[in-house]
Amino acid sequence: MVRKAKTSSSTDSSRPMRPGLTPEAREGQMISLAIDLAEKQLREGTASSQVITHFLKLGSTKERLEKEILAKQKDLIEAKTKSYRSSEEMKELYEEALNAMRRYQPGGGVEDED
């Protein structure tokens, strides 16, 4: 007698999943379950047109370009933030240097310090 092997998807669905400890972890679990279900529906040929269209859009050139643009925009924002922080640090260094020079001038510097 030949026994039929269980697929991993049937084992996963019968095993209870521990809820995520944070809202982000819980959201990740829900997304994972939704993707698993969509994959099952696509394999069985029972997926709705919305599910099929969603995954077709994900594979499109436009979607890949939009993801690339978003990644570059993120890098640009990070670079601008780094530049701003650097300029703030330079401003502080210039102020410290000016205050140090004022201390060496005759008759000044003591009352200018904060």
Protein backbone atom coordinates (compact mmCIF):
# COMPACT_ATOMS: atom_id res chain seq x y z
CA MET A 1 0.00 0.00 0.00
CA VAL A 2 1.41 3.41 -1.03
CA ARG A 3 1.04 6.30 1.36
CA LYS A 4 0.54 9.78 0.02
CA ALA A 5 3.07 12.29 1.33
CA LYS A 6 1.67 15.40 2.97
CA THR A 7 2.60 18.70 1.42
CA SER A 8 4.12 21.40 3.56
CA SER A 9 1.13 23.69 3.00
CA SER A 10 -1.29 21.20 4.52
CA THR A 11 1.00 20.75 7.52
CA ASP A 12 1.43 24.50 7.96
CA SER A 13 -2.30 25.22 7.94
CA SER A 14 -3.07 22.64 10.62
CA ARG A 15 -0.33 23.86 12.93
CA PRO A 16 -1.38 26.90 15.00
CA MET A 17 0.84 29.92 14.61
CA ARG A 18 1.85 31.92 17.67
CA PRO A 19 0.67 35.54 17.31
CA GLY A 20 3.39 38.12 16.77
CA LEU A 21 4.52 40.04 19.83
CA THR A 22 4.50 43.42 18.08
CA PRO A 23 2.02 44.91 15.62
CA GLU A 24 4.74 44.78 12.95
CA ALA A 25 5.36 41.07 13.55
CA ARG A 26 1.63 40.36 13.46
CA GLU A 27 1.30 42.29 10.21
CA GLY A 28 4.17 40.28 8.77
CA GLN A 29 2.39 37.04 9.70
CA MET A 30 -0.84 38.17 8.06
CA ILE A 31 1.00 39.17 4.89
CA SER A 32 2.75 35.81 4.82
CA LEU A 33 -0.55 33.96 5.19
CA ALA A 34 -2.16 36.05 2.45
CA ILE A 35 0.72 35.37 0.07
CA ASP A 36 0.60 31.65 0.85
CA LEU A 37 -3.14 31.60 0.12
CA ALA A 38 -2.69 33.56 -3.10
CA GLU A 39 0.02 31.14 -4.20
CA LYS A 40 -2.25 28.18 -3.45
CA GLN A 41 -5.09 29.75 -5.43
CA LEU A 42 -2.82 30.51 -8.37
CA ARG A 43 -1.48 26.94 -8.44
CA GLU A 44 -5.00 25.47 -8.24
CA GLY A 45 -6.38 27.87 -10.83
CA THR A 46 -8.96 29.33 -8.44
CA ALA A 47 -7.40 32.78 -8.00
CA SER A 48 -9.62 35.79 -8.57
CA SER A 49 -8.82 38.29 -11.30
CA GLN A 50 -7.73 40.79 -8.63
CA VAL A 51 -5.13 38.37 -7.25
CA ILE A 52 -3.81 37.57 -10.72
CA THR A 53 -3.66 41.26 -11.68
CA HIS A 54 -1.85 42.12 -8.44
CA PHE A 55 0.94 39.65 -9.08
CA LEU A 56 1.16 40.55 -12.76
CA LYS A 57 1.68 44.19 -11.76
CA LEU A 58 4.41 43.19 -9.30
CA GLY A 59 6.33 41.59 -12.15
CA SER A 60 6.02 44.51 -14.53
CA THR A 61 8.89 46.73 -15.65
CA LYS A 62 7.05 49.78 -14.35
CA GLU A 63 6.83 48.29 -10.86
CA ARG A 64 10.55 47.47 -10.85
CA LEU A 65 11.39 51.01 -11.96
CA GLU A 66 9.14 52.49 -9.27
CA LYS A 67 10.86 50.36 -6.62
CA GLU A 68 14.25 51.49 -7.91
CA ILE A 69 13.15 55.14 -7.81
CA LEU A 70 11.86 54.75 -4.26
CA ALA A 71 15.15 53.17 -3.18
CA LYS A 72 17.12 56.04 -4.73
CA GLN A 73 14.82 58.62 -3.12
CA LYS A 74 15.44 56.94 0.22
CA ASP A 75 19.20 57.13 -0.36
CA LEU A 76 18.88 60.80 -1.31
CA ILE A 77 16.91 61.62 1.85
CA GLU A 78 19.52 59.82 3.95
CA ALA A 79 22.32 61.75 2.22
CA LYS A 80 20.53 65.07 2.79
CA THR A 81 20.03 64.21 6.46
CA LYS A 82 23.71 63.32 6.82
CA SER A 83 24.71 66.54 5.08
CA TYR A 84 22.45 68.60 7.35
CA ARG A 85 23.89 66.99 10.47
CA SER A 86 27.40 67.56 9.18
CA SER A 87 26.69 71.23 8.52
CA GLU A 88 25.29 71.58 12.05
CA GLU A 89 28.48 70.04 13.44
CA MET A 90 30.60 72.42 11.35
CA LYS A 91 28.56 75.36 12.62
CA GLU A 92 29.25 74.28 16.21
CA LEU A 93 32.97 73.91 15.46
CA TYR A 94 33.11 77.41 13.94
CA GLU A 95 31.33 78.87 16.96
CA GLU A 96 33.75 77.14 19.31
CA ALA A 97 36.71 78.42 17.28
CA LEU A 98 35.36 81.98 17.31
CA ASN A 99 34.77 81.83 21.05
CA ALA A 100 38.31 80.53 21.58
CA MET A 101 39.71 83.41 19.48
CA ARG A 102 37.65 85.94 21.44
CA ARG A 103 39.18 84.71 24.70
CA TYR A 104 42.63 85.61 23.39
CA GLN A 105 41.66 89.17 22.39
CA PRO A 106 42.54 91.94 24.80
CA GLY A 107 39.68 92.83 27.14
CA GLY A 108 37.13 90.34 25.82
CA GLY A 109 35.82 86.88 25.82
CA VAL A 110 34.86 86.19 29.44
CA GLU A 111 31.39 87.74 29.31
CA ASP A 112 30.67 86.27 25.82
CA GLU A 113 30.82 82.65 27.06
CA ASP A 114 27.53 80.90 27.82
